[in-house]
Amino acid sequence: MNPPALRLYVDSLFTSPYAMSVFVALREKGLAFDTLTLDLDAAQNQSADFARLSLTQRVPTLVEGEFALSESSAITEYLEETYPATPIYPTDAKQRARARQVQAWLRSDLLPIRQERSTLVVFCGQKMPPLSPQAEVAAAKLIGAAQALLAGNPANLFGEWSIADVDLAVMLNRLILNGDDVPAELVAYAQRQWQRPSVQEWVNLTRPAL
């Protein structure tokens, strides 16, 4: 039997929200793939072999034959275009653009939240001290945007589920799972996203002891 044509490189702790996003996308599309891990603390992503493979030397990196691609949103967009049978983005052009906007924003903004609520909170149950004033401002911005996007409490951001729902739920869970104050409707939204089988598969991966 031939091995899967796709290989996904992720962090060995399985705590990268970006690796999770691609993992979920692959599962949602029903694609066979091998998962390979790199110890980022040991700088395995900077090895000569991986540097030749991955232009940015980052995880996630997806490899398909001779083609290798890093940066999670680039990967999920590539998967959407190459394997369109099961969509992971909205079919409407404006909603699809909005989903990509949400993804780009979550990756480029809200740095104080990412600094003070690492994904060790989300995936390993760690608890962090109270938010700094700067992080409280970022949390208010996140909550305000999420409430605007989810006005009326829909099940998903854009009608049918999309990969942007996973990315938003991860960011909200940085706060929720630490016990920070988040409106009940956003807690319910994040919990609903967390129960998706593809998400649960990532959440329940066996992680090495820290």
N, C-alpha and C. Protein backbone atom coordinates (compact mmCIF):
# COMPACT_ATOMS: atom_id res chain seq x y z
N MET A 1 0.85 -1.20 0.00
CA MET A 1 0.00 0.00 0.00
C MET A 1 0.88 1.24 0.00
N ASN A 2 0.60 2.17 -0.88
CA ASN A 2 1.40 3.38 -0.96
C ASN A 2 1.15 4.27 0.24
N PRO A 3 2.21 4.94 0.76
CA PRO A 3 2.01 5.87 1.87
C PRO A 3 1.24 7.09 1.39
N PRO A 4 0.64 7.86 2.33
CA PRO A 4 -0.08 9.07 1.93
C PRO A 4 0.82 10.02 1.16
N ALA A 5 0.23 10.70 0.19
CA ALA A 5 1.01 11.64 -0.63
C ALA A 5 1.34 12.91 0.12
N LEU A 6 0.62 13.17 1.22
CA LEU A 6 0.79 14.41 1.97
C LEU A 6 1.51 14.14 3.29
N ARG A 7 2.41 15.05 3.63
CA ARG A 7 3.08 15.00 4.94
C ARG A 7 2.91 16.35 5.61
N LEU A 8 2.57 16.33 6.88
CA LEU A 8 2.39 17.56 7.64
C LEU A 8 3.38 17.59 8.79
N TYR A 9 4.24 18.61 8.78
CA TYR A 9 5.18 18.82 9.87
C TYR A 9 4.56 19.75 10.90
N VAL A 10 4.55 19.30 12.16
CA VAL A 10 3.98 20.08 13.26
C VAL A 10 4.97 20.09 14.43
N ASP A 11 4.65 20.88 15.44
CA ASP A 11 5.51 20.92 16.62
C ASP A 11 5.30 19.67 17.47
N SER A 12 6.35 19.22 18.15
CA SER A 12 6.30 17.96 18.89
C SER A 12 5.39 18.03 20.11
N LEU A 13 5.07 19.24 20.59
CA LEU A 13 4.16 19.38 21.73
C LEU A 13 2.70 19.45 21.29
N PHE A 14 2.45 19.55 20.00
CA PHE A 14 1.11 19.70 19.45
C PHE A 14 0.38 20.88 20.09
N THR A 15 1.08 22.00 20.21
CA THR A 15 0.47 23.20 20.80
C THR A 15 0.39 24.36 19.82
N SER A 16 0.86 24.20 18.60
CA SER A 16 0.78 25.28 17.63
C SER A 16 -0.65 25.41 17.11
N PRO A 17 -1.29 26.58 17.31
CA PRO A 17 -2.64 26.75 16.80
C PRO A 17 -2.68 26.73 15.28
N TYR A 18 -1.56 27.07 14.67
CA TYR A 18 -1.50 27.11 13.21
C TYR A 18 -1.36 25.70 12.64
N ALA A 19 -0.56 24.87 13.31
CA ALA A 19 -0.50 23.46 12.92
C ALA A 19 -1.85 22.80 13.11
N MET A 20 -2.53 23.14 14.21
CA MET A 20 -3.86 22.60 14.45
C MET A 20 -4.81 22.97 13.32
N SER A 21 -4.76 24.21 12.86
CA SER A 21 -5.65 24.68 11.81
C SER A 21 -5.49 23.84 10.55
N VAL A 22 -4.25 23.55 10.17
CA VAL A 22 -4.01 22.74 8.97
C VAL A 22 -4.41 21.29 9.20
N PHE A 23 -4.09 20.76 10.37
CA PHE A 23 -4.47 19.39 10.72
C PHE A 23 -5.99 19.22 10.59
N VAL A 24 -6.75 20.16 11.16
CA VAL A 24 -8.20 20.10 11.09
C VAL A 24 -8.67 20.21 9.64
N ALA A 25 -8.06 21.09 8.87
CA ALA A 25 -8.44 21.24 7.46
C ALA A 25 -8.25 19.92 6.70
N LEU A 26 -7.14 19.26 6.92
CA LEU A 26 -6.89 17.99 6.25
C LEU A 26 -7.90 16.93 6.67
N ARG A 27 -8.20 16.89 7.95
CA ARG A 27 -9.19 15.92 8.44
C ARG A 27 -10.58 16.22 7.86
N GLU A 28 -10.94 17.49 7.84
CA GLU A 28 -12.26 17.86 7.32
C GLU A 28 -12.39 17.49 5.85
N LYS A 29 -11.31 17.57 5.12
CA LYS A 29 -11.34 17.23 3.70
C LYS A 29 -11.18 15.74 3.45
N GLY A 30 -10.97 14.98 4.51
CA GLY A 30 -10.85 13.53 4.37
C GLY A 30 -9.60 13.09 3.65
N LEU A 31 -8.55 13.88 3.75
CA LEU A 31 -7.30 13.56 3.05
C LEU A 31 -6.38 12.73 3.93
N ALA A 32 -5.75 11.73 3.34
CA ALA A 32 -4.77 10.93 4.07
C ALA A 32 -3.45 11.69 4.14
N PHE A 33 -2.85 11.68 5.31
CA PHE A 33 -1.56 12.36 5.46
C PHE A 33 -0.79 11.77 6.63
N ASP A 34 0.51 11.89 6.56
CA ASP A 34 1.38 11.52 7.67
C ASP A 34 1.70 12.77 8.48
N THR A 35 1.71 12.63 9.80
CA THR A 35 2.08 13.73 10.68
C THR A 35 3.48 13.48 11.20
N LEU A 36 4.36 14.45 10.98
CA LEU A 36 5.74 14.36 11.47
C LEU A 36 5.97 15.51 12.44
N THR A 37 6.72 15.24 13.50
CA THR A 37 6.91 16.25 14.53
C THR A 37 8.35 16.77 14.55
N LEU A 38 8.46 18.03 14.93
CA LEU A 38 9.76 18.67 15.11
C LEU A 38 9.81 19.28 16.50
N ASP A 39 10.92 19.05 17.20
CA ASP A 39 11.12 19.64 18.52
C ASP A 39 11.65 21.06 18.32
N LEU A 40 10.78 22.03 18.50
CA LEU A 40 11.18 23.42 18.26
C LEU A 40 12.16 23.91 19.32
N ASP A 41 12.04 23.39 20.54
CA ASP A 41 12.98 23.79 21.60
C ASP A 41 14.39 23.33 21.28
N ALA A 42 14.50 22.23 20.56
CA ALA A 42 15.81 21.73 20.14
C ALA A 42 16.20 22.26 18.77
N ALA A 43 15.41 23.19 18.25
CA ALA A 43 15.69 23.85 16.97
C ALA A 43 15.76 22.86 15.81
N GLN A 44 14.98 21.79 15.87
CA GLN A 44 14.97 20.84 14.75
C GLN A 44 14.46 21.48 13.47
N ASN A 45 13.65 22.53 13.61
CA ASN A 45 13.15 23.22 12.43
C ASN A 45 14.25 24.03 11.73
N GLN A 46 15.39 24.18 12.39
CA GLN A 46 16.50 24.91 11.79
C GLN A 46 17.57 23.97 11.24
N SER A 47 17.29 22.69 11.24
CA SER A 47 18.25 21.74 10.69
C SER A 47 18.42 21.97 9.19
N ALA A 48 19.54 21.54 8.66
CA ALA A 48 19.82 21.74 7.24
C ALA A 48 18.78 21.03 6.37
N ASP A 49 18.37 19.83 6.78
CA ASP A 49 17.40 19.07 5.98
C ASP A 49 16.07 19.79 5.92
N PHE A 50 15.60 20.29 7.08
CA PHE A 50 14.30 20.96 7.08
C PHE A 50 14.39 22.31 6.40
N ALA A 51 15.52 22.98 6.52
CA ALA A 51 15.70 24.26 5.85
C ALA A 51 15.63 24.11 4.34
N ARG A 52 16.13 23.00 3.83
CA ARG A 52 16.03 22.75 2.39
C ARG A 52 14.58 22.46 1.98
N LEU A 53 13.82 21.93 2.91
CA LEU A 53 12.44 21.57 2.61
C LEU A 53 11.49 22.75 2.76
N SER A 54 11.64 23.50 3.85
CA SER A 54 10.68 24.55 4.20
C SER A 54 11.33 25.92 4.04
N LEU A 55 10.77 26.73 3.18
CA LEU A 55 11.33 28.04 2.89
C LEU A 55 11.46 28.90 4.14
N THR A 56 10.47 28.84 5.03
CA THR A 56 10.47 29.69 6.23
C THR A 56 10.97 28.96 7.47
N GLN A 57 11.22 27.66 7.35
CA GLN A 57 11.69 26.83 8.47
C GLN A 57 10.72 26.88 9.65
N ARG A 58 9.42 26.89 9.33
CA ARG A 58 8.40 26.99 10.36
C ARG A 58 7.41 25.83 10.24
N VAL A 59 6.72 25.60 11.34
CA VAL A 59 5.59 24.67 11.30
C VAL A 59 4.32 25.49 11.44
N PRO A 60 3.28 25.03 10.74
CA PRO A 60 3.22 23.82 9.95
C PRO A 60 3.88 23.99 8.58
N THR A 61 4.39 22.90 8.08
CA THR A 61 4.80 22.82 6.68
C THR A 61 4.13 21.59 6.08
N LEU A 62 3.49 21.76 4.95
CA LEU A 62 2.84 20.67 4.23
C LEU A 62 3.70 20.30 3.03
N VAL A 63 3.90 19.01 2.85
CA VAL A 63 4.70 18.53 1.73
C VAL A 63 3.83 17.61 0.89
N GLU A 64 3.80 17.88 -0.40
CA GLU A 64 3.07 17.06 -1.36
C GLU A 64 4.00 16.80 -2.53
N GLY A 65 4.57 15.60 -2.57
CA GLY A 65 5.55 15.30 -3.59
C GLY A 65 6.77 16.20 -3.46
N GLU A 66 7.08 16.94 -4.50
CA GLU A 66 8.22 17.85 -4.49
C GLU A 66 7.84 19.26 -4.02
N PHE A 67 6.58 19.45 -3.72
CA PHE A 67 6.07 20.78 -3.34
C PHE A 67 5.94 20.87 -1.83
N ALA A 68 6.53 21.91 -1.25
CA ALA A 68 6.44 22.14 0.19
C ALA A 68 5.94 23.56 0.42
N LEU A 69 5.03 23.70 1.38
CA LEU A 69 4.41 25.00 1.65
C LEU A 69 4.27 25.19 3.14
N SER A 70 4.68 26.36 3.63
CA SER A 70 4.48 26.72 5.03
C SER A 70 3.53 27.91 5.12
N GLU A 71 3.24 28.31 6.35
CA GLU A 71 2.27 29.36 6.70
C GLU A 71 0.85 28.79 6.57
N SER A 72 0.19 28.69 7.70
CA SER A 72 -1.04 27.89 7.80
C SER A 72 -2.15 28.37 6.88
N SER A 73 -2.39 29.67 6.81
CA SER A 73 -3.49 30.12 5.96
C SER A 73 -3.18 29.89 4.48
N ALA A 74 -1.90 30.00 4.11
CA ALA A 74 -1.52 29.67 2.73
C ALA A 74 -1.79 28.20 2.45
N ILE A 75 -1.52 27.35 3.43
CA ILE A 75 -1.74 25.92 3.25
C ILE A 75 -3.23 25.61 3.13
N THR A 76 -4.04 26.19 4.01
CA THR A 76 -5.48 25.87 3.95
C THR A 76 -6.11 26.41 2.67
N GLU A 77 -5.63 27.54 2.19
CA GLU A 77 -6.15 28.05 0.92
C GLU A 77 -5.72 27.15 -0.24
N TYR A 78 -4.48 26.65 -0.18
CA TYR A 78 -4.02 25.72 -1.21
C TYR A 78 -4.86 24.44 -1.19
N LEU A 79 -5.11 23.92 -0.01
CA LEU A 79 -5.94 22.72 0.10
C LEU A 79 -7.34 22.95 -0.44
N GLU A 80 -7.88 24.12 -0.18
CA GLU A 80 -9.23 24.44 -0.66
C GLU A 80 -9.28 24.46 -2.18
N GLU A 81 -8.25 25.01 -2.79
CA GLU A 81 -8.23 25.11 -4.25
C GLU A 81 -7.89 23.77 -4.91
N THR A 82 -7.07 22.97 -4.25
CA THR A 82 -6.60 21.72 -4.85
C THR A 82 -7.56 20.57 -4.60
N TYR A 83 -8.23 20.60 -3.45
CA TYR A 83 -9.16 19.53 -3.06
C TYR A 83 -10.51 20.17 -2.69
N PRO A 84 -11.25 20.64 -3.69
CA PRO A 84 -12.44 21.46 -3.41
C PRO A 84 -13.70 20.68 -3.04
N ALA A 85 -13.66 19.34 -3.08
CA ALA A 85 -14.90 18.57 -2.91
C ALA A 85 -15.58 18.86 -1.58
N THR A 86 -14.79 18.98 -0.52
CA THR A 86 -15.35 19.31 0.80
C THR A 86 -14.81 20.68 1.20
N PRO A 87 -15.61 21.72 1.08
CA PRO A 87 -15.10 23.07 1.33
C PRO A 87 -14.85 23.34 2.81
N ILE A 88 -13.81 24.12 3.07
CA ILE A 88 -13.50 24.57 4.43
C ILE A 88 -13.54 26.10 4.52
N TYR A 89 -13.91 26.74 3.41
CA TYR A 89 -14.14 28.19 3.37
C TYR A 89 -15.54 28.43 2.82
N PRO A 90 -16.15 29.57 3.15
CA PRO A 90 -17.47 29.88 2.58
C PRO A 90 -17.42 29.90 1.06
N THR A 91 -18.51 29.51 0.43
CA THR A 91 -18.57 29.53 -1.03
C THR A 91 -18.83 30.93 -1.57
N ASP A 92 -19.52 31.75 -0.80
CA ASP A 92 -19.78 33.14 -1.21
C ASP A 92 -18.48 33.94 -1.17
N ALA A 93 -18.19 34.70 -2.21
CA ALA A 93 -16.91 35.41 -2.33
C ALA A 93 -16.69 36.39 -1.19
N LYS A 94 -17.72 37.14 -0.82
CA LYS A 94 -17.56 38.13 0.24
C LYS A 94 -17.35 37.46 1.60
N GLN A 95 -18.11 36.41 1.86
CA GLN A 95 -17.92 35.69 3.12
C GLN A 95 -16.57 34.98 3.16
N ARG A 96 -16.13 34.47 2.02
CA ARG A 96 -14.81 33.83 1.96
C ARG A 96 -13.72 34.85 2.25
N ALA A 97 -13.86 36.04 1.69
CA ALA A 97 -12.90 37.10 1.97
C ALA A 97 -12.92 37.48 3.45
N ARG A 98 -14.11 37.51 4.05
CA ARG A 98 -14.21 37.83 5.46
C ARG A 98 -13.56 36.75 6.31
N ALA A 99 -13.74 35.49 5.94
CA ALA A 99 -13.10 34.40 6.68
C ALA A 99 -11.58 34.54 6.63
N ARG A 100 -11.06 34.89 5.48
CA ARG A 100 -9.61 35.08 5.35
C ARG A 100 -9.16 36.31 6.14
N GLN A 101 -10.01 37.33 6.19
CA GLN A 101 -9.69 38.50 7.00
C GLN A 101 -9.57 38.10 8.47
N VAL A 102 -10.52 37.32 8.95
CA VAL A 102 -10.49 36.87 10.34
C VAL A 102 -9.21 36.09 10.61
N GLN A 103 -8.86 35.19 9.71
CA GLN A 103 -7.63 34.41 9.90
C GLN A 103 -6.40 35.32 9.95
N ALA A 104 -6.29 36.23 9.00
CA ALA A 104 -5.13 37.12 8.96
C ALA A 104 -5.05 37.98 10.21
N TRP A 105 -6.20 38.48 10.67
CA TRP A 105 -6.23 39.33 11.86
C TRP A 105 -5.78 38.57 13.10
N LEU A 106 -6.29 37.36 13.27
CA LEU A 106 -5.93 36.57 14.45
C LEU A 106 -4.44 36.23 14.47
N ARG A 107 -3.82 36.15 13.30
CA ARG A 107 -2.40 35.82 13.23
C ARG A 107 -1.49 37.04 13.37
N SER A 108 -2.02 38.23 13.13
CA SER A 108 -1.15 39.41 13.07
C SER A 108 -1.42 40.43 14.17
N ASP A 109 -2.51 40.28 14.91
CA ASP A 109 -2.89 41.24 15.93
C ASP A 109 -3.01 40.51 17.27
N LEU A 110 -3.42 41.23 18.30
CA LEU A 110 -3.71 40.65 19.61
C LEU A 110 -2.48 40.00 20.26
N LEU A 111 -1.31 40.55 19.98
CA LEU A 111 -0.06 39.98 20.49
C LEU A 111 -0.06 39.84 22.01
N PRO A 112 -0.57 40.82 22.79
CA PRO A 112 -0.53 40.63 24.24
C PRO A 112 -1.28 39.38 24.71
N ILE A 113 -2.36 39.03 24.03
CA ILE A 113 -3.06 37.79 24.40
C ILE A 113 -2.18 36.59 24.11
N ARG A 114 -1.58 36.58 22.94
CA ARG A 114 -0.73 35.44 22.59
C ARG A 114 0.48 35.33 23.52
N GLN A 115 0.98 36.47 23.99
CA GLN A 115 2.13 36.45 24.90
C GLN A 115 1.73 35.99 26.30
N GLU A 116 0.58 36.43 26.78
CA GLU A 116 0.19 36.17 28.17
C GLU A 116 -0.74 34.97 28.33
N ARG A 117 -1.23 34.46 27.24
CA ARG A 117 -2.09 33.27 27.26
C ARG A 117 -1.61 32.32 26.18
N SER A 118 -0.46 31.70 26.43
CA SER A 118 0.10 30.79 25.43
C SER A 118 -0.85 29.61 25.23
N THR A 119 -0.63 28.85 24.19
CA THR A 119 -1.50 27.71 23.94
C THR A 119 -1.22 26.56 24.90
N LEU A 120 -0.25 26.71 25.80
CA LEU A 120 -0.13 25.75 26.89
C LEU A 120 -1.37 25.81 27.77
N VAL A 121 -2.00 26.98 27.84
CA VAL A 121 -3.28 27.12 28.54
C VAL A 121 -4.33 26.27 27.83
N VAL A 122 -4.35 26.35 26.52
CA VAL A 122 -5.41 25.70 25.73
C VAL A 122 -5.25 24.19 25.69
N PHE A 123 -4.03 23.71 25.48
CA PHE A 123 -3.83 22.29 25.22
C PHE A 123 -3.22 21.52 26.39
N CYS A 124 -2.65 22.22 27.37
CA CYS A 124 -1.97 21.53 28.47
C CYS A 124 -2.52 21.90 29.84
N GLY A 125 -3.52 22.75 29.87
CA GLY A 125 -4.17 23.07 31.13
C GLY A 125 -3.42 24.00 32.05
N GLN A 126 -2.39 24.66 31.55
CA GLN A 126 -1.65 25.59 32.40
C GLN A 126 -2.50 26.82 32.71
N LYS A 127 -2.22 27.44 33.85
CA LYS A 127 -2.90 28.67 34.24
C LYS A 127 -1.88 29.80 34.32
N MET A 128 -2.29 30.96 33.84
CA MET A 128 -1.41 32.12 33.78
C MET A 128 -1.94 33.22 34.71
N PRO A 129 -1.06 34.16 35.11
CA PRO A 129 -1.48 35.26 35.98
C PRO A 129 -2.50 36.16 35.30
N PRO A 130 -3.12 37.08 36.07
CA PRO A 130 -4.09 38.00 35.46
C PRO A 130 -3.48 38.77 34.30
N LEU A 131 -4.34 39.18 33.38
CA LEU A 131 -3.90 39.92 32.20
C LEU A 131 -3.34 41.28 32.60
N SER A 132 -2.32 41.71 31.87
CA SER A 132 -1.79 43.06 32.03
C SER A 132 -2.80 44.05 31.42
N PRO A 133 -2.66 45.34 31.73
CA PRO A 133 -3.55 46.32 31.10
C PRO A 133 -3.54 46.25 29.57
N GLN A 134 -2.35 46.03 28.99
CA GLN A 134 -2.27 45.94 27.53
C GLN A 134 -3.04 44.72 27.01
N ALA A 135 -2.93 43.60 27.72
CA ALA A 135 -3.64 42.40 27.30
C ALA A 135 -5.14 42.54 27.53
N GLU A 136 -5.54 43.28 28.56
CA GLU A 136 -6.97 43.53 28.77
C GLU A 136 -7.56 44.32 27.61
N VAL A 137 -6.80 45.27 27.08
CA VAL A 137 -7.25 46.03 25.91
C VAL A 137 -7.39 45.09 24.71
N ALA A 138 -6.41 44.22 24.53
CA ALA A 138 -6.47 43.27 23.41
C ALA A 138 -7.65 42.31 23.58
N ALA A 139 -7.90 41.87 24.82
CA ALA A 139 -9.02 40.96 25.07
C ALA A 139 -10.34 41.64 24.76
N ALA A 140 -10.46 42.90 25.14
CA ALA A 140 -11.70 43.65 24.84
C ALA A 140 -11.89 43.79 23.34
N LYS A 141 -10.79 43.99 22.62
CA LYS A 141 -10.87 44.10 21.16
C LYS A 141 -11.33 42.77 20.55
N LEU A 142 -10.74 41.67 21.02
CA LEU A 142 -11.12 40.34 20.54
C LEU A 142 -12.59 40.07 20.81
N ILE A 143 -13.02 40.33 22.03
CA ILE A 143 -14.41 40.05 22.40
C ILE A 143 -15.37 40.92 21.59
N GLY A 144 -15.04 42.18 21.42
CA GLY A 144 -15.90 43.07 20.64
C GLY A 144 -16.03 42.61 19.21
N ALA A 145 -14.92 42.22 18.60
CA ALA A 145 -14.96 41.76 17.21
C ALA A 145 -15.73 40.45 17.10
N ALA A 146 -15.50 39.54 18.05
CA ALA A 146 -16.20 38.25 18.01
C ALA A 146 -17.70 38.45 18.17
N GLN A 147 -18.10 39.35 19.06
CA GLN A 147 -19.53 39.62 19.24
C GLN A 147 -20.14 40.22 17.97
N ALA A 148 -19.40 41.08 17.29
CA ALA A 148 -19.91 41.65 16.05
C ALA A 148 -20.05 40.58 14.97
N LEU A 149 -19.06 39.70 14.87
CA LEU A 149 -19.09 38.64 13.87
C LEU A 149 -20.19 37.62 14.16
N LEU A 150 -20.49 37.43 15.44
CA LEU A 150 -21.43 36.39 15.84
C LEU A 150 -22.74 36.99 16.36
N ALA A 151 -23.07 38.17 15.87
CA ALA A 151 -24.33 38.81 16.28
C ALA A 151 -25.51 37.88 15.99
N GLY A 152 -26.37 37.71 16.97
CA GLY A 152 -27.50 36.79 16.80
C GLY A 152 -27.19 35.37 17.21
N ASN A 153 -25.95 35.13 17.67
CA ASN A 153 -25.52 33.81 18.17
C ASN A 153 -25.69 32.67 17.16
N PRO A 154 -25.16 32.84 15.95
CA PRO A 154 -25.21 31.72 15.00
C PRO A 154 -24.27 30.60 15.44
N ALA A 155 -24.49 29.42 14.91
CA ALA A 155 -23.64 28.28 15.27
C ALA A 155 -22.22 28.48 14.77
N ASN A 156 -22.08 29.11 13.60
CA ASN A 156 -20.78 29.32 12.98
C ASN A 156 -20.69 30.76 12.47
N LEU A 157 -19.48 31.17 12.11
CA LEU A 157 -19.28 32.54 11.67
C LEU A 157 -20.05 32.89 10.40
N PHE A 158 -20.05 32.00 9.44
CA PHE A 158 -20.57 32.34 8.11
C PHE A 158 -21.58 31.31 7.62
N GLY A 159 -22.49 30.91 8.49
CA GLY A 159 -23.48 29.91 8.12
C GLY A 159 -22.91 28.51 8.29
N GLU A 160 -22.41 27.94 7.21
CA GLU A 160 -21.74 26.65 7.30
C GLU A 160 -20.39 26.83 8.00
N TRP A 161 -19.96 25.78 8.69
CA TRP A 161 -18.66 25.80 9.37
C TRP A 161 -17.54 26.13 8.39
N SER A 162 -16.54 26.84 8.85
CA SER A 162 -15.33 27.09 8.06
C SER A 162 -14.12 27.01 8.96
N ILE A 163 -12.95 26.94 8.37
CA ILE A 163 -11.72 26.82 9.13
C ILE A 163 -11.48 28.06 9.99
N ALA A 164 -12.06 29.20 9.61
CA ALA A 164 -11.94 30.40 10.43
C ALA A 164 -12.60 30.22 11.79
N ASP A 165 -13.60 29.35 11.88
CA ASP A 165 -14.24 29.08 13.18
C ASP A 165 -13.25 28.45 14.15
N VAL A 166 -12.42 27.55 13.67
CA VAL A 166 -11.42 26.93 14.52
C VAL A 166 -10.43 27.98 15.03
N ASP A 167 -9.97 28.83 14.14
CA ASP A 167 -8.97 29.83 14.52
C ASP A 167 -9.53 30.80 15.56
N LEU A 168 -10.78 31.22 15.38
CA LEU A 168 -11.38 32.12 16.36
C LEU A 168 -11.61 31.42 17.69
N ALA A 169 -12.05 30.17 17.65
CA ALA A 169 -12.28 29.43 18.89
C ALA A 169 -10.99 29.24 19.68
N VAL A 170 -9.89 28.99 18.99
CA VAL A 170 -8.60 28.86 19.69
C VAL A 170 -8.25 30.15 20.42
N MET A 171 -8.40 31.28 19.74
CA MET A 171 -8.05 32.55 20.38
C MET A 171 -8.96 32.83 21.57
N LEU A 172 -10.24 32.58 21.43
CA LEU A 172 -11.15 32.76 22.56
C LEU A 172 -10.80 31.82 23.71
N ASN A 173 -10.42 30.59 23.38
CA ASN A 173 -10.11 29.62 24.43
C ASN A 173 -8.83 29.95 25.18
N ARG A 174 -7.97 30.77 24.62
CA ARG A 174 -6.82 31.24 25.39
C ARG A 174 -7.30 31.95 26.66
N LEU A 175 -8.39 32.67 26.53
CA LEU A 175 -8.97 33.38 27.68
C LEU A 175 -9.89 32.46 28.48
N ILE A 176 -10.81 31.79 27.79
CA ILE A 176 -11.84 30.99 28.45
C ILE A 176 -11.21 29.91 29.33
N LEU A 177 -10.25 29.17 28.79
CA LEU A 177 -9.68 28.04 29.51
C LEU A 177 -8.73 28.46 30.62
N ASN A 178 -8.38 29.74 30.66
CA ASN A 178 -7.61 30.26 31.78
C ASN A 178 -8.53 30.81 32.87
N GLY A 179 -9.82 30.87 32.58
CA GLY A 179 -10.76 31.41 33.55
C GLY A 179 -10.98 32.90 33.46
N ASP A 180 -10.53 33.52 32.37
CA ASP A 180 -10.75 34.95 32.19
C ASP A 180 -12.21 35.21 31.83
N ASP A 181 -12.64 36.42 32.03
CA ASP A 181 -14.05 36.79 31.83
C ASP A 181 -14.35 36.93 30.34
N VAL A 182 -15.20 36.06 29.83
CA VAL A 182 -15.62 36.08 28.43
C VAL A 182 -17.14 35.92 28.42
N PRO A 183 -17.87 36.71 27.63
CA PRO A 183 -19.33 36.59 27.60
C PRO A 183 -19.80 35.17 27.32
N ALA A 184 -20.92 34.82 27.94
CA ALA A 184 -21.42 33.44 27.89
C ALA A 184 -21.67 32.97 26.47
N GLU A 185 -22.15 33.86 25.60
CA GLU A 185 -22.46 33.41 24.24
C GLU A 185 -21.19 33.06 23.47
N LEU A 186 -20.09 33.73 23.78
CA LEU A 186 -18.82 33.39 23.13
C LEU A 186 -18.22 32.12 23.72
N VAL A 187 -18.42 31.91 25.02
CA VAL A 187 -18.00 30.64 25.63
C VAL A 187 -18.74 29.48 24.97
N ALA A 188 -20.04 29.64 24.77
CA ALA A 188 -20.84 28.58 24.14
C ALA A 188 -20.37 28.33 22.71
N TYR A 189 -20.07 29.39 21.98
CA TYR A 189 -19.57 29.26 20.61
C TYR A 189 -18.26 28.47 20.60
N ALA A 190 -17.31 28.86 21.46
CA ALA A 190 -16.01 28.19 21.49
C ALA A 190 -16.17 26.73 21.89
N GLN A 191 -17.02 26.46 22.86
CA GLN A 191 -17.24 25.07 23.28
C GLN A 191 -17.84 24.25 22.14
N ARG A 192 -18.75 24.84 21.41
CA ARG A 192 -19.37 24.15 20.28
C ARG A 192 -18.32 23.81 19.22
N GLN A 193 -17.45 24.74 18.91
CA GLN A 193 -16.39 24.48 17.94
C GLN A 193 -15.44 23.40 18.43
N TRP A 194 -15.21 23.39 19.73
CA TRP A 194 -14.25 22.46 20.33
C TRP A 194 -14.72 21.02 20.25
N GLN A 195 -16.03 20.82 20.13
CA GLN A 195 -16.56 19.46 20.09
C GLN A 195 -16.54 18.85 18.69
N ARG A 196 -16.13 19.62 17.69
CA ARG A 196 -16.06 19.07 16.34
C ARG A 196 -15.04 17.91 16.33
N PRO A 197 -15.38 16.76 15.73
CA PRO A 197 -14.48 15.60 15.81
C PRO A 197 -13.06 15.87 15.35
N SER A 198 -12.89 16.64 14.27
CA SER A 198 -11.54 16.93 13.79
C SER A 198 -10.75 17.75 14.80
N VAL A 199 -11.44 18.65 15.50
CA VAL A 199 -10.80 19.46 16.54
C VAL A 199 -10.45 18.59 17.74
N GLN A 200 -11.39 17.74 18.15
CA GLN A 200 -11.15 16.87 19.29
C GLN A 200 -9.97 15.92 19.03
N GLU A 201 -9.80 15.51 17.79
CA GLU A 201 -8.68 14.62 17.49
C GLU A 201 -7.35 15.32 17.80
N TRP A 202 -7.25 16.60 17.44
CA TRP A 202 -6.03 17.35 17.76
C TRP A 202 -5.91 17.58 19.27
N VAL A 203 -7.00 18.00 19.89
CA VAL A 203 -6.99 18.31 21.32
C VAL A 203 -6.54 17.08 22.12
N ASN A 204 -6.96 15.90 21.70
CA ASN A 204 -6.71 14.68 22.47
C ASN A 204 -5.43 13.95 22.08
N LEU A 205 -4.61 14.55 21.22
CA LEU A 205 -3.31 13.95 20.93
C LEU A 205 -2.48 13.82 22.21
N THR A 206 -1.71 12.76 22.29
CA THR A 206 -0.85 12.55 23.45
C THR A 206 0.34 13.49 23.39
N ARG A 207 0.46 14.31 24.42
CA ARG A 207 1.53 15.30 24.47
C ARG A 207 2.60 14.89 25.47
N PRO A 208 3.87 15.15 25.16
CA PRO A 208 4.92 14.82 26.13
C PRO A 208 4.79 15.67 27.38
N ALA A 209 5.22 15.15 28.50
CA ALA A 209 5.20 15.90 29.76
C ALA A 209 6.12 17.10 29.66
N LEU A 210 5.66 18.24 30.17
CA LEU A 210 6.48 19.45 30.13
C LEU A 210 7.44 19.50 31.30
